[in-house]
Amino acid sequence: MGDLVAAENQRDEGVTKGTRDKESRVWKRWSEYCRIIENDDDIYLQRLAPPLRTAMFGAFAAAYRRRQFSRPDEKELGAGSVQEALAKLGQIFRADMGYNPYHGQNESGIAPCLSRQLHGMKNNDPAVKPQKALPVSVFREMHRLAKGSHLFTAMANLSTCAFFWCMRSCEYTTVSGERRTKILCLKNIVFQDKDNKIIPITSILIFTAVCVTVTFEFQKKLTREDSISQHKSGDTLNEGEMCGVLAWAKTVWRIVNYPIARDKLPDTPVNTVMVDDKLYEIPGELFVQRIRTAVSSLGREKLGFGPEEVGNHSPRSAGAMALFLGGTPVYSIMLQGRWSSDAFMRYIRKEVLQASIGLAERMLRFESFYTVPAFTYTSADGDLRTSNRTTNLNGSHDDMRRGAHPAFHLE
């Protein structure tokens, strides 16, 4: 009995509270839908044949998309949200009953009728508008606007760190809801001098560090203890404000000088700040506000976009875009941003004008090229499909395929 309880607890730990809440919400809406169509006495659709169960999932998807269970006066839900709901509902069916109408009669993949329905939804969805990548000038503007404010200076330095390490917002800010990714603490920041010796975070010598290694303990992709290093950027403007190593030194030294017990420092989040003699953890929403303020200050004419087009994904996108424009190899971008696939390409904004610099010249590099003709057989080559030709093992192909292997010997 104890092992059964332990197994259940382990399954609960396999997902976050947010995921469990979503599953609960989807099940509640499915139950409500079954009541509306007067099928609440067969909520698992046991009386229906498998194709009809899948058809019922399709009907539920149509109702879910038009927000029948939440806010029907608002615009329709996107195809991605509907698909996520159907997938979670199917998982519940699988766990409770052993079958999954989302997959239909197949073991994997979406049932063809549901796949076609979701594809139709995607065709009618409005175009996705990803958050814009921020140029370095926006981060410099955040520093300029922060002068005289302890809080805003702390945010400008932390945003600079986020830029150089291509960080997710939940890695350096406090966000709503439970997340699998852990926020960085002071113990995750390691300073090293020119001889690669570690400098204690409580030493003023962290300002002489030439390299910083940041260890991300647990991430969205389930990778643990992922350490990423950056050296000094060499920035000379405004005392090197756009240097990741210096930005971390300022961030850590600020927190070290707060009235926090030394044994508590390692586990202190990097977004800790003191305002009016009280310690707070800076929320992600406030970072978005500061980014938008800087974007507004620079203006749409200079940047090509406005404050409503940026958000908490913009610093991560900015880091990827800066690496790309700097000619960084794809594999290095993936390593620096901790992308396990080419998913980082979503952060590369092709509408950035500078991204096309040099492309036209490279396209004219070769005026002409020679195409190697396809190899063709002639009658003189004989018929390579002859069934009676022998192998070097002294047997015909047909015999070999039937398993009639000849005794092996060398002639």
Protein backbone atom coordinates (compact mmCIF):
# COMPACT_ATOMS: atom_id res chain seq x y z
CA MET A 1 0.00 0.00 0.00
CA GLY A 2 2.87 2.34 0.82
CA ASP A 3 4.38 1.88 -2.62
CA LEU A 4 1.05 2.76 -4.25
CA VAL A 5 0.94 6.00 -2.28
CA ALA A 6 4.58 6.72 -3.16
CA ALA A 7 3.86 6.11 -6.83
CA GLU A 8 0.94 8.54 -6.75
CA ASN A 9 3.08 11.17 -5.04
CA GLN A 10 5.79 10.74 -7.68
CA ARG A 11 3.23 11.20 -10.44
CA ASP A 12 2.08 14.42 -8.79
CA GLU A 13 5.67 15.65 -8.69
CA GLY A 14 5.98 14.98 -12.42
CA VAL A 15 3.86 18.04 -13.22
CA THR A 16 3.57 21.52 -11.77
CA LYS A 17 0.57 22.87 -9.91
CA GLY A 18 -0.21 24.98 -12.97
CA THR A 19 -0.51 21.85 -15.11
CA ARG A 20 -2.76 20.15 -12.56
CA ASP A 21 -4.94 23.25 -12.44
CA LYS A 22 -5.27 23.23 -16.23
CA GLU A 23 -6.26 19.56 -16.21
CA SER A 24 -8.84 20.24 -13.51
CA ARG A 25 -10.24 23.19 -15.48
CA VAL A 26 -10.50 21.17 -18.69
CA TRP A 27 -12.27 18.32 -16.91
CA LYS A 28 -14.72 20.73 -15.29
CA ARG A 29 -15.60 22.19 -18.68
CA TRP A 30 -15.94 18.74 -20.26
CA SER A 31 -18.30 17.75 -17.45
CA GLU A 32 -20.32 20.89 -18.04
CA TYR A 33 -20.45 20.18 -21.77
CA CYS A 34 -21.70 16.64 -21.12
CA ARG A 35 -24.44 18.08 -18.91
CA ILE A 36 -25.45 20.60 -21.61
CA ILE A 37 -25.82 17.88 -24.26
CA GLU A 38 -27.53 15.61 -21.70
CA ASN A 39 -24.78 13.03 -21.69
CA ASP A 40 -23.66 13.43 -18.10
CA ASP A 41 -24.58 9.81 -17.31
CA ASP A 42 -21.87 8.61 -19.72
CA ILE A 43 -19.12 11.14 -19.16
CA TYR A 44 -16.42 8.71 -20.38
CA LEU A 45 -18.42 7.92 -23.54
CA GLN A 46 -18.35 4.20 -22.80
CA ARG A 47 -21.56 3.54 -24.74
CA LEU A 48 -20.12 5.04 -27.91
CA ALA A 49 -17.95 3.37 -30.52
CA PRO A 50 -14.36 4.76 -30.77
CA PRO A 51 -15.05 6.91 -33.88
CA LEU A 52 -18.03 8.55 -32.14
CA ARG A 53 -15.94 9.26 -29.04
CA THR A 54 -13.48 11.14 -31.22
CA ALA A 55 -16.38 12.96 -32.89
CA MET A 56 -17.58 14.07 -29.46
CA PHE A 57 -14.11 15.46 -28.75
CA GLY A 58 -14.46 17.47 -31.96
CA ALA A 59 -17.82 18.86 -30.85
CA PHE A 60 -16.33 19.82 -27.49
CA ALA A 61 -13.45 21.52 -29.31
CA ALA A 62 -15.90 23.69 -31.27
CA ALA A 63 -17.65 24.76 -28.06
CA TYR A 64 -14.35 25.33 -26.28
CA ARG A 65 -13.06 27.52 -29.10
CA ARG A 66 -16.07 29.85 -28.93
CA ARG A 67 -15.54 30.18 -25.15
CA GLN A 68 -18.88 28.63 -24.25
CA PHE A 69 -17.59 27.85 -20.76
CA SER A 70 -15.80 31.09 -19.93
CA ARG A 71 -16.29 34.43 -21.72
CA PRO A 72 -18.39 33.91 -24.89
CA ASP A 73 -18.44 37.67 -25.52
CA GLU A 74 -14.69 37.70 -26.18
CA LYS A 75 -12.80 36.60 -29.29
CA GLU A 76 -12.40 32.91 -30.03
CA LEU A 77 -9.64 30.88 -28.44
CA GLY A 78 -6.67 30.08 -30.66
CA ALA A 79 -6.16 26.65 -32.16
CA GLY A 80 -3.15 26.05 -29.90
CA SER A 81 -5.23 26.53 -26.75
CA VAL A 82 -7.94 24.22 -28.06
CA GLN A 83 -5.42 21.54 -28.98
CA GLU A 84 -3.82 21.73 -25.54
CA ALA A 85 -7.23 21.28 -23.90
CA LEU A 86 -8.07 18.26 -26.08
CA ALA A 87 -4.68 16.69 -25.34
CA LYS A 88 -5.15 17.08 -21.58
CA LEU A 89 -8.69 15.70 -21.76
CA GLY A 90 -7.40 12.72 -23.73
CA GLN A 91 -4.75 12.08 -21.10
CA ILE A 92 -7.43 12.00 -18.42
CA PHE A 93 -9.43 9.47 -20.45
CA ARG A 94 -6.29 7.36 -20.93
CA ALA A 95 -5.42 7.40 -17.22
CA ASP A 96 -8.95 6.61 -16.05
CA MET A 97 -10.32 4.34 -18.79
CA GLY A 98 -7.39 3.11 -20.85
CA TYR A 99 -8.43 4.75 -24.13
CA ASN A 100 -7.84 8.19 -25.58
CA PRO A 101 -10.37 9.63 -28.08
CA TYR A 102 -7.86 12.38 -28.94
CA HIS A 103 -5.75 9.76 -30.70
CA GLY A 104 -8.74 7.91 -32.09
CA GLN A 105 -7.96 4.25 -32.76
CA ASN A 106 -4.26 4.99 -33.19
CA GLU A 107 -1.71 4.63 -30.44
CA SER A 108 -0.10 7.97 -31.21
CA GLY A 109 -0.73 11.10 -33.20
CA ILE A 110 -3.91 13.12 -33.39
CA ALA A 111 -6.99 11.44 -34.83
CA PRO A 112 -7.28 12.48 -38.51
CA CYS A 113 -10.66 14.20 -38.11
CA LEU A 114 -9.41 16.22 -35.11
CA SER A 115 -6.18 17.06 -36.92
CA ARG A 116 -8.15 18.43 -39.85
CA GLN A 117 -10.46 20.39 -37.54
CA LEU A 118 -7.53 21.97 -35.69
CA HIS A 119 -5.85 22.78 -38.99
CA GLY A 120 -9.00 24.59 -40.06
CA MET A 121 -8.93 26.59 -36.82
CA LYS A 122 -5.30 27.55 -37.44
CA ASN A 123 -6.18 28.76 -40.91
CA ASN A 124 -8.73 31.15 -39.41
CA ASP A 125 -6.59 32.30 -36.48
CA PRO A 126 -5.10 35.79 -36.74
CA ALA A 127 -1.39 36.07 -37.46
CA VAL A 128 0.83 35.55 -34.44
CA LYS A 129 2.64 38.72 -33.37
CA PRO A 130 5.77 37.73 -31.44
CA GLN A 131 7.30 40.19 -29.03
CA LYS A 132 9.99 42.32 -30.64
CA ALA A 133 13.68 41.80 -30.00
CA LEU A 134 15.31 44.71 -28.19
CA PRO A 135 18.44 46.35 -29.59
CA VAL A 136 21.26 47.24 -27.20
CA SER A 137 20.13 50.88 -27.31
CA VAL A 138 17.00 49.98 -25.30
CA PHE A 139 19.10 48.55 -22.48
CA ARG A 140 21.28 51.64 -22.51
CA GLU A 141 18.17 53.78 -22.29
CA MET A 142 17.01 51.77 -19.28
CA HIS A 143 20.32 52.59 -17.61
CA ARG A 144 20.00 56.28 -18.51
CA LEU A 145 16.45 56.53 -17.17
CA ALA A 146 17.41 54.68 -13.98
CA LYS A 147 19.87 57.29 -12.71
CA GLY A 148 18.99 58.44 -9.22
CA SER A 149 16.73 55.46 -8.49
CA HIS A 150 18.02 52.49 -6.50
CA LEU A 151 15.18 50.25 -7.71
CA PHE A 152 15.40 51.18 -11.39
CA THR A 153 19.21 50.88 -11.37
CA ALA A 154 18.90 47.40 -9.91
CA MET A 155 16.44 46.52 -12.67
CA ALA A 156 18.65 47.96 -15.41
CA ASN A 157 21.63 45.89 -14.25
CA LEU A 158 19.56 42.71 -13.96
CA SER A 159 18.06 43.30 -17.41
CA THR A 160 21.60 43.56 -18.78
CA CYS A 161 22.40 40.19 -17.20
CA ALA A 162 19.26 38.74 -18.76
CA PHE A 163 20.37 40.04 -22.17
CA PHE A 164 23.83 38.50 -22.10
CA TRP A 165 22.64 35.15 -20.77
CA CYS A 166 19.45 35.04 -22.93
CA MET A 167 17.41 34.44 -19.80
CA ARG A 168 13.77 33.52 -19.45
CA SER A 169 11.77 35.99 -17.38
CA CYS A 170 11.10 33.39 -14.65
CA GLU A 171 14.86 32.94 -14.17
CA TYR A 172 15.46 36.46 -12.86
CA THR A 173 12.02 37.88 -11.95
CA THR A 174 9.12 36.79 -9.80
CA VAL A 175 6.26 35.58 -11.97
CA SER A 176 2.75 34.39 -11.17
CA GLY A 177 1.96 30.70 -10.89
CA GLU A 178 4.16 27.72 -10.10
CA ARG A 179 7.03 27.19 -12.54
CA ARG A 180 9.36 24.27 -13.07
CA THR A 181 12.22 26.69 -13.78
CA LYS A 182 13.97 27.95 -10.65
CA ILE A 183 14.83 31.59 -10.17
CA LEU A 184 18.54 32.33 -9.87
CA CYS A 185 20.03 32.92 -6.42
CA LEU A 186 23.41 34.34 -5.40
CA LYS A 187 24.85 30.81 -5.07
CA ASN A 188 24.30 30.37 -8.82
CA ILE A 189 26.61 33.28 -9.70
CA VAL A 190 30.35 32.51 -9.73
CA PHE A 191 33.03 35.15 -10.37
CA GLN A 192 36.47 34.20 -11.68
CA ASP A 193 39.66 36.22 -12.05
CA LYS A 194 42.19 36.13 -14.89
CA ASP A 195 43.77 33.00 -13.38
CA ASN A 196 40.38 31.24 -13.28
CA LYS A 197 40.32 31.42 -9.49
CA ILE A 198 36.89 31.84 -7.89
CA ILE A 199 36.23 35.15 -6.13
CA PRO A 200 33.86 34.97 -3.12
CA ILE A 201 30.64 36.92 -3.66
CA THR A 202 31.27 38.81 -0.41
CA SER A 203 34.57 40.22 -1.70
CA ILE A 204 34.85 43.62 -3.38
CA LEU A 205 37.20 41.87 -5.80
CA ILE A 206 34.21 40.62 -7.77
CA PHE A 207 34.52 43.94 -9.63
CA THR A 208 37.89 42.72 -10.95
CA ALA A 209 36.46 39.48 -12.30
CA VAL A 210 36.98 38.75 -15.98
CA CYS A 211 34.39 36.00 -16.23
CA VAL A 212 31.09 35.01 -14.64
CA THR A 213 29.54 31.53 -14.72
CA VAL A 214 25.81 31.28 -14.09
CA THR A 215 24.35 27.89 -13.16
CA PHE A 216 20.69 27.32 -13.97
CA GLU A 217 19.60 24.66 -11.50
CA PHE A 218 16.40 23.40 -13.09
CA GLN A 219 14.94 24.53 -16.38
CA LYS A 220 11.84 24.22 -18.49
CA LYS A 221 13.47 21.55 -20.67
CA LEU A 222 14.19 19.50 -17.49
CA THR A 223 17.95 20.11 -17.70
CA ARG A 224 19.71 20.42 -14.35
CA GLU A 225 22.85 22.29 -13.36
CA ASP A 226 23.36 23.98 -16.74
CA SER A 227 26.33 26.34 -16.42
CA ILE A 228 26.89 29.16 -18.91
CA SER A 229 29.91 31.49 -18.82
CA GLN A 230 30.48 34.97 -20.22
CA HIS A 231 33.59 37.12 -20.22
CA LYS A 232 33.78 40.90 -20.10
CA SER A 233 32.22 42.56 -23.13
CA GLY A 234 34.79 45.34 -23.41
CA ASP A 235 32.08 48.00 -23.40
CA THR A 236 33.54 51.43 -22.64
CA LEU A 237 30.43 53.63 -22.76
CA ASN A 238 29.10 54.97 -19.47
CA GLU A 239 31.59 53.00 -17.37
CA GLY A 240 30.83 49.74 -19.15
CA GLU A 241 27.12 49.61 -18.42
CA MET A 242 26.63 46.94 -21.13
CA CYS A 243 29.00 44.39 -19.66
CA GLY A 244 27.39 41.26 -18.24
CA VAL A 245 30.25 40.57 -15.82
CA LEU A 246 30.08 44.08 -14.37
CA ALA A 247 26.28 43.98 -14.25
CA TRP A 248 26.41 40.80 -12.15
CA ALA A 249 29.04 42.36 -9.88
CA LYS A 250 26.78 45.36 -9.26
CA THR A 251 23.76 43.13 -8.70
CA VAL A 252 25.47 40.77 -6.27
CA TRP A 253 27.33 43.50 -4.37
CA ARG A 254 24.09 45.44 -3.90
CA ILE A 255 22.39 42.41 -2.33
CA VAL A 256 25.42 41.46 -0.24
CA ASN A 257 25.27 44.89 1.41
CA TYR A 258 21.63 44.49 2.42
CA PRO A 259 20.97 43.47 6.06
CA ILE A 260 20.77 39.78 5.19
CA ALA A 261 22.42 37.10 7.32
CA ARG A 262 25.55 35.68 5.67
CA ASP A 263 24.22 32.13 5.83
CA LYS A 264 21.07 33.27 3.98
CA LEU A 265 22.89 35.04 1.14
CA PRO A 266 23.47 31.96 -1.08
CA ASP A 267 19.73 31.31 -1.33
CA THR A 268 18.75 34.95 -1.83
CA PRO A 269 17.08 35.52 -5.24
CA VAL A 270 18.92 37.83 -7.63
CA ASN A 271 15.84 40.08 -7.98
CA THR A 272 15.89 41.00 -4.28
CA VAL A 273 15.82 44.75 -3.69
CA MET A 274 15.41 46.99 -0.66
CA VAL A 275 12.80 49.75 -0.87
CA ASP A 276 11.85 51.86 2.15
CA ASP A 277 13.90 49.58 4.42
CA LYS A 278 12.01 46.48 3.28
CA LEU A 279 13.18 43.63 1.09
CA TYR A 280 11.16 42.78 -2.01
CA GLU A 281 11.49 40.48 -4.99
CA ILE A 282 10.97 42.48 -8.17
CA PRO A 283 8.02 41.11 -10.20
CA GLY A 284 8.16 40.46 -13.91
CA GLU A 285 5.37 42.95 -14.60
CA LEU A 286 7.55 45.81 -13.32
CA PHE A 287 10.38 44.79 -15.67
CA VAL A 288 7.96 44.91 -18.60
CA GLN A 289 6.92 48.42 -17.57
CA ARG A 290 10.54 49.60 -17.50
CA ILE A 291 11.26 48.05 -20.90
CA ARG A 292 8.21 49.76 -22.37
CA THR A 293 9.22 53.07 -20.81
CA ALA A 294 12.63 52.85 -22.47
CA VAL A 295 11.05 51.90 -25.81
CA SER A 296 8.67 54.87 -25.56
CA SER A 297 11.56 57.18 -24.76
CA LEU A 298 13.52 56.13 -27.85
CA GLY A 299 10.45 56.28 -30.07
CA ARG A 300 8.89 54.24 -32.84
CA GLU A 301 10.74 56.22 -35.52
CA LYS A 302 14.11 55.03 -34.23
CA LEU A 303 13.17 51.47 -33.27
CA GLY A 304 10.42 50.59 -35.75
CA PHE A 305 8.09 49.35 -33.02
CA GLY A 306 6.20 50.68 -30.02
CA PRO A 307 5.94 49.76 -26.32
CA GLU A 308 2.85 47.60 -26.86
CA GLU A 309 4.94 45.23 -28.99
CA VAL A 310 7.45 44.24 -26.30
CA GLY A 311 7.15 42.11 -23.19
CA ASN A 312 8.91 39.71 -20.85
CA HIS A 313 10.19 37.57 -23.76
CA SER A 314 11.92 40.53 -25.39
CA PRO A 315 15.24 40.38 -23.43
CA ARG A 316 15.71 36.69 -24.32
CA SER A 317 14.88 37.47 -27.93
CA ALA A 318 17.29 40.41 -27.77
CA GLY A 319 20.15 38.16 -26.70
CA ALA A 320 19.50 35.67 -29.50
CA MET A 321 19.19 38.45 -32.07
CA ALA A 322 22.41 40.14 -30.93
CA LEU A 323 24.32 36.86 -31.18
CA PHE A 324 22.87 36.24 -34.65
CA LEU A 325 23.72 39.73 -35.94
CA GLY A 326 27.23 39.33 -34.53
CA GLY A 327 27.79 36.31 -36.77
CA THR A 328 27.74 33.77 -33.94
CA PRO A 329 27.49 30.16 -35.20
CA VAL A 330 24.13 28.49 -34.69
CA TYR A 331 25.49 25.90 -32.26
CA SER A 332 26.99 28.65 -30.07
CA ILE A 333 23.66 30.49 -29.96
CA MET A 334 21.95 27.26 -28.90
CA LEU A 335 24.52 26.68 -26.15
CA GLN A 336 24.47 30.24 -24.85
CA GLY A 337 20.68 30.43 -24.75
CA ARG A 338 20.31 26.83 -23.53
CA TRP A 339 18.18 25.82 -26.49
CA SER A 340 18.18 22.07 -27.10
CA SER A 341 16.90 22.43 -30.67
CA ASP A 342 16.46 25.05 -33.38
CA ALA A 343 13.57 26.49 -31.32
CA PHE A 344 15.74 29.57 -30.82
CA MET A 345 14.93 30.52 -34.42
CA ARG A 346 11.59 31.78 -33.09
CA TYR A 347 13.56 34.55 -31.41
CA ILE A 348 15.39 35.61 -34.57
CA ARG A 349 13.33 38.41 -36.08
CA LYS A 350 13.79 38.45 -39.85
CA GLU A 351 12.09 41.84 -39.99
CA VAL A 352 15.16 43.35 -38.30
CA LEU A 353 16.73 45.37 -41.13
CA GLN A 354 20.34 44.59 -40.18
CA ALA A 355 19.67 40.84 -40.42
CA SER A 356 19.85 41.06 -44.23
CA ILE A 357 23.14 42.94 -44.41
CA GLY A 358 25.53 41.15 -46.78
CA LEU A 359 22.97 38.68 -48.11
CA ALA A 360 22.67 40.34 -51.54
CA GLU A 361 26.46 40.37 -51.98
CA ARG A 362 26.76 36.71 -51.03
CA MET A 363 24.02 35.78 -53.51
CA LEU A 364 26.18 37.20 -56.33
CA ARG A 365 29.35 35.43 -55.24
CA PHE A 366 29.06 32.78 -57.99
CA GLU A 367 27.97 33.98 -61.42
CA SER A 368 27.41 30.42 -62.60
CA PHE A 369 27.72 26.88 -61.37
CA TYR A 370 27.92 23.44 -62.94
CA THR A 371 25.30 20.81 -62.15
CA VAL A 372 26.56 17.21 -62.14
CA PRO A 373 24.33 15.20 -64.53
CA ALA A 374 22.23 12.42 -63.07
CA PHE A 375 23.85 9.00 -63.48
CA THR A 376 21.94 6.78 -65.91
CA TYR A 377 22.37 3.19 -66.95
CA THR A 378 22.72 2.14 -70.61
CA SER A 379 22.01 -1.21 -72.23
CA ALA A 380 25.73 -1.89 -72.20
CA ASP A 381 25.66 -1.90 -68.38
CA GLY A 382 23.31 -4.86 -68.39
CA ASP A 383 20.20 -5.27 -66.25
CA LEU A 384 21.22 -4.68 -62.65
CA ARG A 385 17.94 -6.20 -61.51
CA THR A 386 18.75 -9.69 -62.91
CA SER A 387 17.41 -12.13 -60.35
CA ASN A 388 19.91 -14.91 -61.03
CA ARG A 389 23.14 -12.96 -60.56
CA THR A 390 25.30 -14.46 -57.84
CA THR A 391 26.90 -12.89 -54.79
CA ASN A 392 30.45 -13.18 -53.65
CA LEU A 393 29.15 -15.78 -51.22
CA ASN A 394 28.41 -18.11 -54.18
CA GLY A 395 24.63 -17.92 -54.09
CA SER A 396 21.86 -16.12 -55.97
CA HIS A 397 20.01 -13.12 -54.48
CA ASP A 398 16.75 -15.08 -54.47
CA ASP A 399 18.36 -17.89 -52.52
CA MET A 400 19.80 -15.44 -50.01
CA ARG A 401 16.45 -13.75 -49.46
CA ARG A 402 14.78 -17.13 -48.85
CA GLY A 403 17.40 -17.93 -46.28
CA ALA A 404 19.05 -20.65 -48.34
CA HIS A 405 22.57 -19.52 -47.54
CA PRO A 406 25.37 -21.43 -49.28
CA ALA A 407 28.35 -22.70 -47.44
CA PHE A 408 30.92 -19.94 -47.27
CA HIS A 409 34.22 -20.61 -49.04
CA LEU A 410 36.80 -18.66 -50.95
CA GLU A 411 37.59 -19.64 -54.53
